[in-house]
Amino acid sequence: MTIRSDDNIGTPAGKGAPARGLRILAAGGALALLLAGCASESESFRPGCPNVGVLRDAGTFRLLDAQGQLQGVAVLSDIQAICEYSDTGVTVRATLAIRGTPAEGADPGRIPVEYFVAVTDPNRNILARQTFATGIDVPGGQTGFALEDLVQFIPAPRTIDARWYEVLIGFQLPPEQVETNRIMNER
C-alpha cells in the first residue's frame, strides 16, 4: 500500500471519498477471499464412499448332496450401500440380497450359505474379515431370497478419501467351487 500526503489541505470534505470507498471495498473483498481460503479441510473436502461389491469368483454357491448331485444354487445378487463419515472413520451400511434357486427336480427346502465380508485398504491389504451364516428358504421348489443387513466401520481420519477402500463380499467356498465359478465367468 502506498502512502502519500495530500497537498490540497483545506479542500471540501467530500474530496477523495469515492476513491477511498472503493479502496475499502476492495480491501474488504480481498479479506473475504483470504478467509475463504482458510476454510477447514473438512468443509471443502468431499470424500467418497468405499467401493462395495461381490468378488466375481465367489458370488455363486452350489449346494451338492452327499452323492455330488446339485440341489440348489445361491447367488449374491444385489448390494445397496451408503456411507457416513465421522471424526474417527467411515461407517458403511449395506443390504445384501441373496437369491436361492433349487435345482430342477430337487427340493432342498432351504439352501444354507456362509459368506464373508472383507475390508481392504488402498493397497488391497485385508484390514478385517468376518464370516456369516444364513439360509435361503426355497419352499416347494420356488426361488427364494434372503436380505442381510451389514455394517462395517473403517477407521480413517476425515481427511482420507475412503473411496480407495473396498468392502468385498463373497461366499465361503471350497477351492473347486471357486475354480468352477472362474470357468463359468470366463465364458
N, C-alpha and C. Protein backbone atom coordinates (compact mmCIF):
# COMPACT_ATOMS: atom_id res chain seq x y z
N MET A 1 0.85 -1.16 0.00
CA MET A 1 0.00 0.00 0.00
C MET A 1 0.90 1.23 0.00
N THR A 2 0.58 2.16 -0.85
CA THR A 2 1.36 3.39 -0.97
C THR A 2 0.73 4.48 -0.12
N ILE A 3 1.54 5.19 0.64
CA ILE A 3 1.04 6.30 1.46
C ILE A 3 1.62 7.58 0.87
N ARG A 4 0.79 8.53 0.66
CA ARG A 4 1.26 9.82 0.17
C ARG A 4 0.51 10.92 0.90
N SER A 5 1.12 12.05 0.97
CA SER A 5 0.47 13.19 1.65
C SER A 5 -0.42 13.92 0.66
N ASP A 6 -1.43 14.58 1.18
CA ASP A 6 -2.37 15.32 0.36
C ASP A 6 -1.99 16.80 0.46
N ASP A 7 -1.54 17.40 -0.66
CA ASP A 7 -1.13 18.80 -0.67
C ASP A 7 -2.33 19.73 -0.72
N ASN A 8 -3.50 19.21 -0.89
CA ASN A 8 -4.70 20.04 -1.02
C ASN A 8 -5.45 20.15 0.32
N ILE A 9 -4.74 20.42 1.36
CA ILE A 9 -5.36 20.54 2.66
C ILE A 9 -6.30 21.73 2.64
N GLY A 10 -7.44 21.57 3.26
CA GLY A 10 -8.41 22.64 3.31
C GLY A 10 -9.43 22.54 2.20
N THR A 11 -9.42 21.47 1.38
CA THR A 11 -10.41 21.31 0.32
C THR A 11 -11.70 20.77 0.93
N PRO A 12 -12.77 20.77 0.16
CA PRO A 12 -14.06 20.31 0.68
C PRO A 12 -13.96 18.88 1.25
N ALA A 13 -14.80 18.59 2.22
CA ALA A 13 -14.74 17.32 2.95
C ALA A 13 -14.98 16.10 2.06
N GLY A 14 -15.73 16.23 0.98
CA GLY A 14 -16.04 15.09 0.13
C GLY A 14 -14.93 14.69 -0.82
N LYS A 15 -13.82 15.46 -0.84
CA LYS A 15 -12.76 15.18 -1.80
C LYS A 15 -12.14 13.81 -1.54
N GLY A 16 -12.07 13.00 -2.58
CA GLY A 16 -11.43 11.69 -2.49
C GLY A 16 -12.29 10.62 -1.86
N ALA A 17 -13.50 10.89 -1.44
CA ALA A 17 -14.36 9.90 -0.78
C ALA A 17 -14.69 8.71 -1.69
N PRO A 18 -15.06 8.93 -2.96
CA PRO A 18 -15.37 7.76 -3.78
C PRO A 18 -14.17 6.83 -3.95
N ALA A 19 -12.99 7.37 -4.14
CA ALA A 19 -11.81 6.52 -4.31
C ALA A 19 -11.51 5.78 -3.02
N ARG A 20 -11.66 6.44 -1.87
CA ARG A 20 -11.41 5.80 -0.58
C ARG A 20 -12.43 4.67 -0.37
N GLY A 21 -13.67 4.89 -0.73
CA GLY A 21 -14.72 3.87 -0.59
C GLY A 21 -14.41 2.64 -1.43
N LEU A 22 -13.90 2.88 -2.65
CA LEU A 22 -13.53 1.74 -3.50
C LEU A 22 -12.36 0.97 -2.90
N ARG A 23 -11.40 1.72 -2.33
CA ARG A 23 -10.26 1.03 -1.71
C ARG A 23 -10.72 0.20 -0.52
N ILE A 24 -11.62 0.73 0.27
CA ILE A 24 -12.13 -0.02 1.44
C ILE A 24 -12.91 -1.25 0.96
N LEU A 25 -13.72 -1.08 -0.07
CA LEU A 25 -14.48 -2.20 -0.63
C LEU A 25 -13.54 -3.26 -1.19
N ALA A 26 -12.49 -2.84 -1.90
CA ALA A 26 -11.52 -3.79 -2.46
C ALA A 26 -10.78 -4.52 -1.35
N ALA A 27 -10.39 -3.79 -0.29
CA ALA A 27 -9.70 -4.42 0.82
C ALA A 27 -10.61 -5.43 1.52
N GLY A 28 -11.89 -5.07 1.67
CA GLY A 28 -12.85 -6.00 2.29
C GLY A 28 -13.03 -7.26 1.45
N GLY A 29 -13.10 -7.10 0.13
CA GLY A 29 -13.23 -8.26 -0.77
C GLY A 29 -12.01 -9.16 -0.69
N ALA A 30 -10.82 -8.54 -0.64
CA ALA A 30 -9.59 -9.33 -0.54
C ALA A 30 -9.56 -10.10 0.78
N LEU A 31 -10.02 -9.46 1.85
CA LEU A 31 -10.07 -10.13 3.15
C LEU A 31 -11.04 -11.30 3.12
N ALA A 32 -12.19 -11.14 2.48
CA ALA A 32 -13.17 -12.22 2.38
C ALA A 32 -12.58 -13.41 1.60
N LEU A 33 -11.88 -13.11 0.50
CA LEU A 33 -11.25 -14.19 -0.27
C LEU A 33 -10.18 -14.90 0.54
N LEU A 34 -9.42 -14.12 1.30
CA LEU A 34 -8.38 -14.70 2.14
C LEU A 34 -8.98 -15.62 3.19
N LEU A 35 -10.06 -15.17 3.83
CA LEU A 35 -10.70 -16.00 4.85
C LEU A 35 -11.35 -17.24 4.23
N ALA A 36 -11.91 -17.13 3.04
CA ALA A 36 -12.50 -18.28 2.37
C ALA A 36 -11.44 -19.33 2.08
N GLY A 37 -10.24 -18.90 1.77
CA GLY A 37 -9.15 -19.84 1.53
C GLY A 37 -8.70 -20.54 2.79
N CYS A 38 -9.07 -20.01 3.95
CA CYS A 38 -8.69 -20.63 5.22
C CYS A 38 -9.76 -21.57 5.73
N ALA A 39 -10.77 -21.88 4.96
CA ALA A 39 -11.81 -22.81 5.41
C ALA A 39 -11.18 -24.15 5.75
N SER A 40 -11.74 -24.81 6.72
CA SER A 40 -11.16 -26.08 7.14
C SER A 40 -11.29 -27.12 6.04
N GLU A 41 -10.39 -28.09 6.06
CA GLU A 41 -10.39 -29.13 5.03
C GLU A 41 -11.70 -29.89 5.03
N SER A 42 -12.28 -30.13 6.20
CA SER A 42 -13.50 -30.92 6.28
C SER A 42 -14.67 -30.23 5.58
N GLU A 43 -14.63 -28.89 5.49
CA GLU A 43 -15.71 -28.18 4.82
C GLU A 43 -15.55 -28.21 3.31
N SER A 44 -14.32 -28.20 2.80
CA SER A 44 -14.11 -28.13 1.37
C SER A 44 -13.83 -29.50 0.75
N PHE A 45 -13.44 -30.47 1.55
CA PHE A 45 -13.10 -31.80 1.05
C PHE A 45 -14.32 -32.70 1.13
N ARG A 46 -14.74 -33.26 0.03
CA ARG A 46 -15.91 -34.14 -0.02
C ARG A 46 -15.45 -35.56 -0.34
N PRO A 47 -15.18 -36.38 0.67
CA PRO A 47 -14.70 -37.74 0.42
C PRO A 47 -15.82 -38.63 -0.13
N GLY A 48 -15.41 -39.67 -0.85
CA GLY A 48 -16.37 -40.61 -1.40
C GLY A 48 -16.55 -41.83 -0.51
N CYS A 49 -17.48 -42.68 -0.91
CA CYS A 49 -17.74 -43.91 -0.17
C CYS A 49 -16.83 -45.03 -0.67
N PRO A 50 -16.52 -45.97 0.20
CA PRO A 50 -15.74 -47.13 -0.25
C PRO A 50 -16.51 -47.90 -1.33
N ASN A 51 -15.78 -48.58 -2.18
CA ASN A 51 -16.42 -49.46 -3.15
C ASN A 51 -16.95 -50.67 -2.41
N VAL A 52 -18.17 -51.07 -2.70
CA VAL A 52 -18.78 -52.24 -2.09
C VAL A 52 -19.18 -53.17 -3.23
N GLY A 53 -18.72 -54.42 -3.19
CA GLY A 53 -19.04 -55.32 -4.29
C GLY A 53 -18.81 -56.77 -3.96
N VAL A 54 -19.24 -57.60 -4.89
CA VAL A 54 -19.11 -59.05 -4.79
C VAL A 54 -17.87 -59.49 -5.55
N LEU A 55 -17.07 -60.34 -4.92
CA LEU A 55 -15.95 -60.95 -5.63
C LEU A 55 -16.52 -61.88 -6.70
N ARG A 56 -16.15 -61.64 -7.91
CA ARG A 56 -16.75 -62.35 -9.05
C ARG A 56 -16.73 -63.86 -8.90
N ASP A 57 -15.61 -64.42 -8.54
CA ASP A 57 -15.49 -65.88 -8.48
C ASP A 57 -16.01 -66.47 -7.18
N ALA A 58 -16.52 -65.62 -6.29
CA ALA A 58 -17.09 -66.09 -5.03
C ALA A 58 -18.56 -65.67 -4.91
N GLY A 59 -19.20 -65.34 -6.01
CA GLY A 59 -20.57 -64.85 -5.99
C GLY A 59 -21.64 -65.89 -6.20
N THR A 60 -21.25 -67.15 -6.47
CA THR A 60 -22.22 -68.22 -6.68
C THR A 60 -21.83 -69.42 -5.83
N PHE A 61 -22.84 -69.98 -5.14
CA PHE A 61 -22.64 -71.18 -4.31
C PHE A 61 -23.53 -72.29 -4.84
N ARG A 62 -22.96 -73.46 -5.03
CA ARG A 62 -23.71 -74.63 -5.49
C ARG A 62 -23.84 -75.62 -4.34
N LEU A 63 -25.09 -75.91 -3.95
CA LEU A 63 -25.36 -76.88 -2.89
C LEU A 63 -25.41 -78.28 -3.50
N LEU A 64 -24.50 -79.14 -3.05
CA LEU A 64 -24.43 -80.51 -3.54
C LEU A 64 -24.84 -81.46 -2.43
N ASP A 65 -25.50 -82.56 -2.79
CA ASP A 65 -25.83 -83.58 -1.79
C ASP A 65 -24.63 -84.50 -1.60
N ALA A 66 -24.78 -85.53 -0.77
CA ALA A 66 -23.68 -86.44 -0.45
C ALA A 66 -23.15 -87.17 -1.69
N GLN A 67 -23.99 -87.34 -2.70
CA GLN A 67 -23.57 -88.02 -3.94
C GLN A 67 -23.01 -87.04 -4.97
N GLY A 68 -22.94 -85.76 -4.62
CA GLY A 68 -22.41 -84.76 -5.55
C GLY A 68 -23.45 -84.22 -6.52
N GLN A 69 -24.74 -84.52 -6.27
CA GLN A 69 -25.81 -84.03 -7.14
C GLN A 69 -26.21 -82.61 -6.72
N LEU A 70 -26.41 -81.76 -7.70
CA LEU A 70 -26.78 -80.37 -7.45
C LEU A 70 -28.18 -80.30 -6.83
N GLN A 71 -28.29 -79.64 -5.70
CA GLN A 71 -29.56 -79.46 -5.01
C GLN A 71 -30.10 -78.02 -5.14
N GLY A 72 -29.21 -77.09 -5.29
CA GLY A 72 -29.64 -75.71 -5.41
C GLY A 72 -28.46 -74.78 -5.64
N VAL A 73 -28.78 -73.57 -6.04
CA VAL A 73 -27.76 -72.56 -6.31
C VAL A 73 -28.15 -71.27 -5.60
N ALA A 74 -27.18 -70.66 -4.94
CA ALA A 74 -27.38 -69.35 -4.32
C ALA A 74 -26.46 -68.35 -5.00
N VAL A 75 -26.97 -67.15 -5.20
CA VAL A 75 -26.21 -66.10 -5.89
C VAL A 75 -26.31 -64.81 -5.07
N LEU A 76 -25.16 -64.17 -4.85
CA LEU A 76 -25.15 -62.84 -4.25
C LEU A 76 -25.62 -61.89 -5.34
N SER A 77 -26.89 -61.50 -5.28
CA SER A 77 -27.49 -60.87 -6.45
C SER A 77 -27.54 -59.35 -6.44
N ASP A 78 -27.50 -58.72 -5.26
CA ASP A 78 -27.60 -57.26 -5.26
C ASP A 78 -27.06 -56.72 -3.94
N ILE A 79 -26.44 -55.56 -4.02
CA ILE A 79 -25.95 -54.87 -2.83
C ILE A 79 -26.31 -53.39 -2.97
N GLN A 80 -26.94 -52.86 -1.94
CA GLN A 80 -27.21 -51.42 -1.85
C GLN A 80 -26.45 -50.91 -0.64
N ALA A 81 -25.63 -49.88 -0.81
CA ALA A 81 -24.80 -49.40 0.29
C ALA A 81 -24.78 -47.88 0.36
N ILE A 82 -24.63 -47.38 1.57
CA ILE A 82 -24.42 -45.95 1.82
C ILE A 82 -23.29 -45.84 2.83
N CYS A 83 -22.70 -44.67 2.94
CA CYS A 83 -21.65 -44.47 3.94
C CYS A 83 -21.85 -43.16 4.66
N GLU A 84 -21.26 -43.10 5.84
CA GLU A 84 -21.36 -41.90 6.66
C GLU A 84 -20.03 -41.70 7.36
N TYR A 85 -19.50 -40.49 7.26
CA TYR A 85 -18.21 -40.16 7.87
C TYR A 85 -18.41 -39.64 9.29
N SER A 86 -17.45 -39.95 10.14
CA SER A 86 -17.37 -39.36 11.47
C SER A 86 -15.92 -38.88 11.65
N ASP A 87 -15.60 -38.37 12.82
CA ASP A 87 -14.24 -37.90 13.06
C ASP A 87 -13.24 -39.05 13.10
N THR A 88 -13.70 -40.27 13.37
CA THR A 88 -12.78 -41.40 13.52
C THR A 88 -12.80 -42.39 12.37
N GLY A 89 -13.71 -42.22 11.41
CA GLY A 89 -13.74 -43.15 10.30
C GLY A 89 -15.02 -43.05 9.50
N VAL A 90 -15.25 -44.08 8.71
CA VAL A 90 -16.44 -44.13 7.86
C VAL A 90 -17.20 -45.42 8.15
N THR A 91 -18.52 -45.28 8.29
CA THR A 91 -19.38 -46.43 8.51
C THR A 91 -20.12 -46.74 7.22
N VAL A 92 -20.03 -47.99 6.78
CA VAL A 92 -20.72 -48.44 5.57
C VAL A 92 -21.90 -49.30 6.01
N ARG A 93 -23.07 -48.94 5.55
CA ARG A 93 -24.28 -49.73 5.82
C ARG A 93 -24.75 -50.28 4.48
N ALA A 94 -24.94 -51.59 4.45
CA ALA A 94 -25.30 -52.23 3.18
C ALA A 94 -26.40 -53.26 3.40
N THR A 95 -27.19 -53.45 2.38
CA THR A 95 -28.18 -54.52 2.35
C THR A 95 -27.79 -55.45 1.21
N LEU A 96 -27.60 -56.70 1.56
CA LEU A 96 -27.17 -57.73 0.60
C LEU A 96 -28.35 -58.63 0.30
N ALA A 97 -28.64 -58.82 -0.98
CA ALA A 97 -29.70 -59.74 -1.40
C ALA A 97 -29.05 -61.03 -1.91
N ILE A 98 -29.54 -62.16 -1.38
CA ILE A 98 -29.04 -63.47 -1.81
C ILE A 98 -30.23 -64.22 -2.39
N ARG A 99 -30.09 -64.65 -3.62
CA ARG A 99 -31.16 -65.39 -4.31
C ARG A 99 -30.84 -66.88 -4.29
N GLY A 100 -31.80 -67.67 -3.92
CA GLY A 100 -31.61 -69.13 -3.92
C GLY A 100 -32.59 -69.79 -4.87
N THR A 101 -32.08 -70.70 -5.68
CA THR A 101 -32.91 -71.42 -6.64
C THR A 101 -32.64 -72.91 -6.51
N PRO A 102 -33.67 -73.72 -6.30
CA PRO A 102 -33.44 -75.16 -6.23
C PRO A 102 -33.13 -75.72 -7.62
N ALA A 103 -32.35 -76.79 -7.64
CA ALA A 103 -32.06 -77.45 -8.91
C ALA A 103 -33.33 -78.12 -9.42
N GLU A 104 -33.39 -78.32 -10.71
CA GLU A 104 -34.56 -78.97 -11.31
C GLU A 104 -34.75 -80.35 -10.70
N GLY A 105 -35.95 -80.59 -10.21
CA GLY A 105 -36.27 -81.89 -9.62
C GLY A 105 -35.84 -82.02 -8.16
N ALA A 106 -35.14 -81.04 -7.63
CA ALA A 106 -34.69 -81.08 -6.23
C ALA A 106 -35.57 -80.16 -5.39
N ASP A 107 -35.70 -80.48 -4.13
CA ASP A 107 -36.44 -79.63 -3.21
C ASP A 107 -35.71 -79.61 -1.87
N PRO A 108 -34.62 -78.84 -1.81
CA PRO A 108 -33.84 -78.82 -0.57
C PRO A 108 -34.56 -78.12 0.58
N GLY A 109 -35.61 -77.34 0.30
CA GLY A 109 -36.33 -76.62 1.33
C GLY A 109 -35.61 -75.35 1.78
N ARG A 110 -34.34 -75.48 2.00
CA ARG A 110 -33.52 -74.34 2.44
C ARG A 110 -32.10 -74.54 1.91
N ILE A 111 -31.50 -73.47 1.43
CA ILE A 111 -30.12 -73.53 0.96
C ILE A 111 -29.28 -72.80 2.01
N PRO A 112 -28.50 -73.54 2.79
CA PRO A 112 -27.65 -72.88 3.80
C PRO A 112 -26.40 -72.31 3.13
N VAL A 113 -26.03 -71.10 3.51
CA VAL A 113 -24.84 -70.47 2.91
C VAL A 113 -24.00 -69.81 4.00
N GLU A 114 -22.72 -69.73 3.72
CA GLU A 114 -21.79 -68.93 4.52
C GLU A 114 -21.17 -67.92 3.56
N TYR A 115 -21.11 -66.68 4.01
CA TYR A 115 -20.46 -65.66 3.19
C TYR A 115 -19.53 -64.85 4.08
N PHE A 116 -18.58 -64.18 3.44
CA PHE A 116 -17.63 -63.35 4.18
C PHE A 116 -17.75 -61.90 3.72
N VAL A 117 -17.35 -61.02 4.62
CA VAL A 117 -17.25 -59.59 4.33
C VAL A 117 -15.83 -59.20 4.71
N ALA A 118 -15.09 -58.66 3.75
CA ALA A 118 -13.71 -58.25 3.99
C ALA A 118 -13.55 -56.78 3.64
N VAL A 119 -12.73 -56.08 4.42
CA VAL A 119 -12.43 -54.68 4.15
C VAL A 119 -10.96 -54.60 3.77
N THR A 120 -10.68 -53.95 2.63
CA THR A 120 -9.29 -53.79 2.19
C THR A 120 -8.94 -52.31 2.12
N ASP A 121 -7.66 -52.03 2.33
CA ASP A 121 -7.17 -50.65 2.25
C ASP A 121 -6.80 -50.33 0.80
N PRO A 122 -6.34 -49.12 0.52
CA PRO A 122 -5.99 -48.75 -0.85
C PRO A 122 -4.92 -49.64 -1.50
N ASN A 123 -4.11 -50.33 -0.68
CA ASN A 123 -3.09 -51.23 -1.22
C ASN A 123 -3.58 -52.68 -1.31
N ARG A 124 -4.89 -52.88 -1.10
CA ARG A 124 -5.55 -54.20 -1.16
C ARG A 124 -5.14 -55.12 -0.01
N ASN A 125 -4.62 -54.56 1.08
CA ASN A 125 -4.35 -55.33 2.28
C ASN A 125 -5.66 -55.53 3.02
N ILE A 126 -5.90 -56.73 3.53
CA ILE A 126 -7.13 -57.02 4.25
C ILE A 126 -7.02 -56.44 5.66
N LEU A 127 -7.92 -55.53 5.99
CA LEU A 127 -7.94 -54.90 7.31
C LEU A 127 -8.82 -55.68 8.28
N ALA A 128 -9.91 -56.25 7.77
CA ALA A 128 -10.84 -57.00 8.60
C ALA A 128 -11.57 -58.01 7.71
N ARG A 129 -11.96 -59.13 8.34
CA ARG A 129 -12.70 -60.15 7.60
C ARG A 129 -13.58 -60.89 8.59
N GLN A 130 -14.87 -61.02 8.25
CA GLN A 130 -15.81 -61.76 9.08
C GLN A 130 -16.60 -62.72 8.21
N THR A 131 -17.00 -63.85 8.82
CA THR A 131 -17.82 -64.83 8.12
C THR A 131 -19.19 -64.88 8.78
N PHE A 132 -20.22 -64.98 7.96
CA PHE A 132 -21.60 -65.02 8.43
C PHE A 132 -22.31 -66.22 7.83
N ALA A 133 -23.32 -66.73 8.53
CA ALA A 133 -24.11 -67.86 8.03
C ALA A 133 -25.57 -67.45 7.97
N THR A 134 -26.24 -67.88 6.94
CA THR A 134 -27.68 -67.65 6.79
C THR A 134 -28.24 -68.75 5.90
N GLY A 135 -29.48 -68.66 5.57
CA GLY A 135 -30.09 -69.63 4.68
C GLY A 135 -31.17 -68.97 3.85
N ILE A 136 -31.42 -69.56 2.69
CA ILE A 136 -32.46 -69.05 1.80
C ILE A 136 -33.53 -70.12 1.72
N ASP A 137 -34.73 -69.77 2.16
CA ASP A 137 -35.85 -70.70 2.06
C ASP A 137 -36.30 -70.80 0.61
N VAL A 138 -36.45 -72.04 0.14
CA VAL A 138 -36.92 -72.29 -1.22
C VAL A 138 -38.08 -73.30 -1.14
N PRO A 139 -39.21 -72.86 -0.57
CA PRO A 139 -40.32 -73.79 -0.34
C PRO A 139 -40.95 -74.27 -1.64
N GLY A 140 -41.21 -75.56 -1.70
CA GLY A 140 -41.89 -76.12 -2.87
C GLY A 140 -41.13 -75.93 -4.16
N GLY A 141 -39.82 -75.83 -4.09
CA GLY A 141 -39.03 -75.68 -5.30
C GLY A 141 -39.07 -74.28 -5.90
N GLN A 142 -39.54 -73.29 -5.15
CA GLN A 142 -39.62 -71.91 -5.62
C GLN A 142 -38.32 -71.17 -5.31
N THR A 143 -38.04 -70.16 -6.12
CA THR A 143 -36.90 -69.29 -5.86
C THR A 143 -37.17 -68.48 -4.59
N GLY A 144 -36.16 -68.35 -3.76
CA GLY A 144 -36.30 -67.58 -2.53
C GLY A 144 -35.22 -66.53 -2.41
N PHE A 145 -35.44 -65.61 -1.49
CA PHE A 145 -34.48 -64.52 -1.27
C PHE A 145 -34.22 -64.35 0.22
N ALA A 146 -33.03 -63.94 0.53
CA ALA A 146 -32.68 -63.53 1.89
C ALA A 146 -32.04 -62.16 1.80
N LEU A 147 -32.39 -61.28 2.71
CA LEU A 147 -31.78 -59.96 2.79
C LEU A 147 -30.97 -59.90 4.07
N GLU A 148 -29.73 -59.48 3.94
CA GLU A 148 -28.82 -59.37 5.07
C GLU A 148 -28.39 -57.91 5.20
N ASP A 149 -28.53 -57.37 6.40
CA ASP A 149 -28.06 -56.01 6.68
C ASP A 149 -26.66 -56.09 7.27
N LEU A 150 -25.75 -55.32 6.69
CA LEU A 150 -24.35 -55.33 7.11
C LEU A 150 -23.92 -53.93 7.53
N VAL A 151 -23.07 -53.87 8.53
CA VAL A 151 -22.47 -52.60 8.95
C VAL A 151 -20.98 -52.84 9.11
N GLN A 152 -20.19 -52.05 8.42
CA GLN A 152 -18.73 -52.13 8.52
C GLN A 152 -18.19 -50.75 8.86
N PHE A 153 -17.27 -50.70 9.81
CA PHE A 153 -16.62 -49.45 10.18
C PHE A 153 -15.17 -49.50 9.71
N ILE A 154 -14.75 -48.46 9.02
CA ILE A 154 -13.37 -48.36 8.55
C ILE A 154 -12.72 -47.19 9.28
N PRO A 155 -11.76 -47.48 10.16
CA PRO A 155 -11.10 -46.38 10.87
C PRO A 155 -10.20 -45.60 9.91
N ALA A 156 -10.55 -44.34 9.72
CA ALA A 156 -9.77 -43.48 8.84
C ALA A 156 -10.08 -42.04 9.21
N PRO A 157 -9.09 -41.18 9.22
CA PRO A 157 -9.37 -39.77 9.53
C PRO A 157 -10.28 -39.15 8.46
N ARG A 158 -10.97 -38.11 8.84
CA ARG A 158 -11.91 -37.45 7.94
C ARG A 158 -11.23 -36.94 6.67
N THR A 159 -9.93 -36.70 6.71
CA THR A 159 -9.22 -36.17 5.55
C THR A 159 -8.85 -37.26 4.54
N ILE A 160 -9.09 -38.52 4.88
CA ILE A 160 -8.79 -39.62 3.96
C ILE A 160 -10.03 -39.90 3.11
N ASP A 161 -9.82 -40.04 1.82
CA ASP A 161 -10.92 -40.36 0.91
C ASP A 161 -11.12 -41.87 0.90
N ALA A 162 -12.21 -42.33 1.48
CA ALA A 162 -12.44 -43.77 1.64
C ALA A 162 -12.84 -44.47 0.35
N ARG A 163 -12.98 -43.74 -0.74
CA ARG A 163 -13.35 -44.41 -1.99
C ARG A 163 -12.24 -45.37 -2.47
N TRP A 164 -11.05 -45.26 -1.89
CA TRP A 164 -9.96 -46.16 -2.26
C TRP A 164 -9.96 -47.43 -1.41
N TYR A 165 -10.85 -47.51 -0.44
CA TYR A 165 -11.05 -48.73 0.35
C TYR A 165 -12.13 -49.56 -0.33
N GLU A 166 -12.16 -50.86 0.00
CA GLU A 166 -13.20 -51.73 -0.57
C GLU A 166 -13.82 -52.58 0.52
N VAL A 167 -15.11 -52.83 0.37
CA VAL A 167 -15.82 -53.80 1.18
C VAL A 167 -16.21 -54.90 0.20
N LEU A 168 -15.59 -56.07 0.35
CA LEU A 168 -15.77 -57.17 -0.59
C LEU A 168 -16.57 -58.29 0.06
N ILE A 169 -17.52 -58.83 -0.69
CA ILE A 169 -18.40 -59.86 -0.18
C ILE A 169 -18.33 -61.07 -1.11
N GLY A 170 -18.33 -62.25 -0.53
CA GLY A 170 -18.31 -63.47 -1.32
C GLY A 170 -18.74 -64.65 -0.48
N PHE A 171 -19.12 -65.72 -1.15
CA PHE A 171 -19.45 -66.95 -0.44
C PHE A 171 -18.16 -67.60 0.04
N GLN A 172 -18.24 -68.25 1.17
CA GLN A 172 -17.14 -69.06 1.69
C GLN A 172 -17.18 -70.38 0.91
N LEU A 173 -16.26 -70.56 -0.02
CA LEU A 173 -16.33 -71.69 -0.95
C LEU A 173 -15.09 -72.56 -0.88
N PRO A 174 -15.27 -73.86 -1.16
CA PRO A 174 -14.09 -74.71 -1.31
C PRO A 174 -13.39 -74.36 -2.63
N PRO A 175 -12.10 -74.64 -2.74
CA PRO A 175 -11.34 -74.27 -3.95
C PRO A 175 -11.95 -74.78 -5.25
N GLU A 176 -12.54 -75.96 -5.25
CA GLU A 176 -13.11 -76.49 -6.50
C GLU A 176 -14.31 -75.66 -6.95
N GLN A 177 -15.10 -75.11 -6.02
CA GLN A 177 -16.22 -74.26 -6.44
C GLN A 177 -15.73 -72.90 -6.95
N VAL A 178 -14.66 -72.40 -6.36
CA VAL A 178 -14.07 -71.15 -6.86
C VAL A 178 -13.60 -71.35 -8.29
N GLU A 179 -12.95 -72.47 -8.54
CA GLU A 179 -12.46 -72.77 -9.90
C GLU A 179 -13.62 -72.95 -10.87
N THR A 180 -14.69 -73.62 -10.44
CA THR A 180 -15.88 -73.77 -11.30
C THR A 180 -16.46 -72.41 -11.64
N ASN A 181 -16.57 -71.55 -10.65
CA ASN A 181 -17.08 -70.20 -10.89
C ASN A 181 -16.19 -69.43 -11.85
N ARG A 182 -14.89 -69.56 -11.68
CA ARG A 182 -13.94 -68.88 -12.56
C ARG A 182 -14.15 -69.33 -14.01
N ILE A 183 -14.30 -70.62 -14.23
CA ILE A 183 -14.51 -71.16 -15.58
C ILE A 183 -15.84 -70.64 -16.14
N MET A 184 -16.89 -70.68 -15.32
CA MET A 184 -18.21 -70.23 -15.78
C MET A 184 -18.20 -68.72 -16.09
N ASN A 185 -17.48 -67.95 -15.31
CA ASN A 185 -17.43 -66.49 -15.51
C ASN A 185 -16.61 -66.09 -16.73
N GLU A 186 -15.72 -66.95 -17.18
CA GLU A 186 -14.89 -66.63 -18.34
C GLU A 186 -15.58 -66.93 -19.65
N ARG A 187 -16.69 -67.57 -19.60
CA ARG A 187 -17.42 -67.91 -20.84
C ARG A 187 -18.09 -66.72 -21.44
